[in-house]
């Protein structure tokens, strides 16, 4: 069941955080692909290339999973996380 959020700023802040998180995942994958492409010629043997592929793949897999877990947590706790942030922003404006 979808929650109804009372403050539209919460949905806006979450949408921004989600967009930047997904952009970070894309940049991460592109950087790893670029680095692997540039390094593979200097790696030497095929065993080293496989070690680089497996270790790099595990790193980006776990980082991607961590970012998705963060997004899942943010979506479940939107009101508490962003509400507190907006509360202090509103106090600062007064």
Protein backbone atom coordinates (compact mmCIF):
# COMPACT_ATOMS: atom_id res chain seq x y z
CA UNK A 1 0.00 0.00 0.00
CA UNK A 2 1.36 3.41 -1.02
CA UNK A 3 1.73 6.01 1.73
CA UNK A 4 0.27 9.47 1.24
CA UNK A 5 2.87 12.09 2.08
CA UNK A 6 1.69 15.31 3.63
CA UNK A 7 4.49 17.56 2.41
CA UNK A 8 5.22 17.63 -1.33
CA UNK A 9 8.79 18.65 -0.51
CA UNK A 10 9.39 15.14 0.83
CA UNK A 11 8.51 13.55 -2.51
CA UNK A 12 10.64 16.13 -4.30
CA UNK A 13 13.68 15.52 -2.08
CA UNK A 14 13.32 11.75 -2.41
CA UNK A 15 13.02 11.99 -6.20
CA UNK A 16 16.20 14.05 -6.33
CA UNK A 17 18.08 11.62 -4.09
CA UNK A 18 16.84 8.67 -6.17
CA UNK A 19 17.91 10.33 -9.42
CA UNK A 20 21.41 11.11 -8.13
CA UNK A 21 21.79 7.62 -6.64
CA UNK A 22 20.91 5.99 -9.96
CA UNK A 23 23.25 8.41 -11.76
CA UNK A 24 26.01 7.38 -9.34
CA UNK A 25 25.42 3.73 -10.23
CA UNK A 26 25.68 4.48 -13.95
CA UNK A 27 28.88 6.51 -13.43
CA UNK A 28 30.33 3.74 -11.26
CA UNK A 29 29.73 1.08 -13.92
CA UNK A 30 31.10 3.31 -16.68
CA UNK A 31 34.23 4.13 -14.68
CA UNK A 32 34.92 0.49 -13.92
CA UNK A 33 34.42 -0.43 -17.58
CA UNK A 34 36.74 2.38 -18.69
CA UNK A 35 39.45 1.49 -16.17
CA UNK A 36 39.26 -2.19 -17.09
CA UNK A 37 39.48 -1.34 -20.80
CA UNK A 38 42.54 0.84 -20.20
CA UNK A 39 44.31 -1.60 -17.84
CA UNK A 40 43.67 -4.94 -19.55
CA UNK A 41 46.50 -4.50 -22.06
CA UNK A 42 49.01 -4.11 -19.21
CA UNK A 43 47.63 -6.97 -17.13
CA UNK A 44 49.74 -9.65 -18.77
CA UNK A 45 48.27 -13.11 -18.46
CA UNK A 46 44.67 -14.14 -18.84
CA UNK A 47 44.59 -15.18 -15.16
CA UNK A 48 45.28 -11.62 -14.11
CA UNK A 49 42.59 -10.32 -16.45
CA UNK A 50 40.09 -12.80 -14.98
CA UNK A 51 41.10 -11.79 -11.45
CA UNK A 52 40.53 -8.13 -12.37
CA UNK A 53 37.17 -8.91 -13.94
CA UNK A 54 35.94 -10.97 -10.99
CA UNK A 55 37.17 -8.61 -8.28
CA UNK A 56 35.96 -5.51 -10.12
CA UNK A 57 32.63 -7.20 -10.81
CA UNK A 58 32.19 -8.03 -7.14
CA UNK A 59 33.02 -4.47 -6.12
CA UNK A 60 30.47 -2.92 -8.47
CA UNK A 61 27.91 -5.59 -7.60
CA UNK A 62 28.18 -4.87 -3.86
CA UNK A 63 28.24 -1.10 -4.39
CA UNK A 64 25.16 -1.31 -6.60
CA UNK A 65 23.38 -3.49 -4.04
CA UNK A 66 24.30 -1.03 -1.27
CA UNK A 67 22.89 1.92 -3.21
CA UNK A 68 19.66 0.04 -3.95
CA UNK A 69 19.39 -0.93 -0.26
CA UNK A 70 19.85 2.73 0.67
CA UNK A 71 17.09 3.73 -1.76
CA UNK A 72 14.80 1.04 -0.36
CA UNK A 73 15.43 2.31 3.18
CA UNK A 74 14.86 5.92 2.12
CA UNK A 75 11.58 5.01 0.44
CA UNK A 76 10.35 3.20 3.57
CA UNK A 77 11.38 5.96 5.97
CA UNK A 78 10.66 9.03 3.82
CA UNK A 79 8.55 10.90 6.31
CA UNK A 80 10.97 10.40 9.19
CA UNK A 81 14.19 11.11 7.28
CA UNK A 82 13.10 13.98 5.09
CA UNK A 83 10.56 15.33 7.58
CA UNK A 84 13.29 15.88 10.16
CA UNK A 85 15.49 17.53 7.56
CA UNK A 86 12.68 19.82 6.44
CA UNK A 87 11.79 20.61 10.06
CA UNK A 88 15.29 21.95 10.72
CA UNK A 89 15.37 23.80 7.41
CA UNK A 90 12.09 25.49 8.32
CA UNK A 91 13.46 26.41 11.77
CA UNK A 92 16.58 27.87 10.16
CA UNK A 93 14.45 30.10 7.92
CA UNK A 94 12.62 31.60 10.92
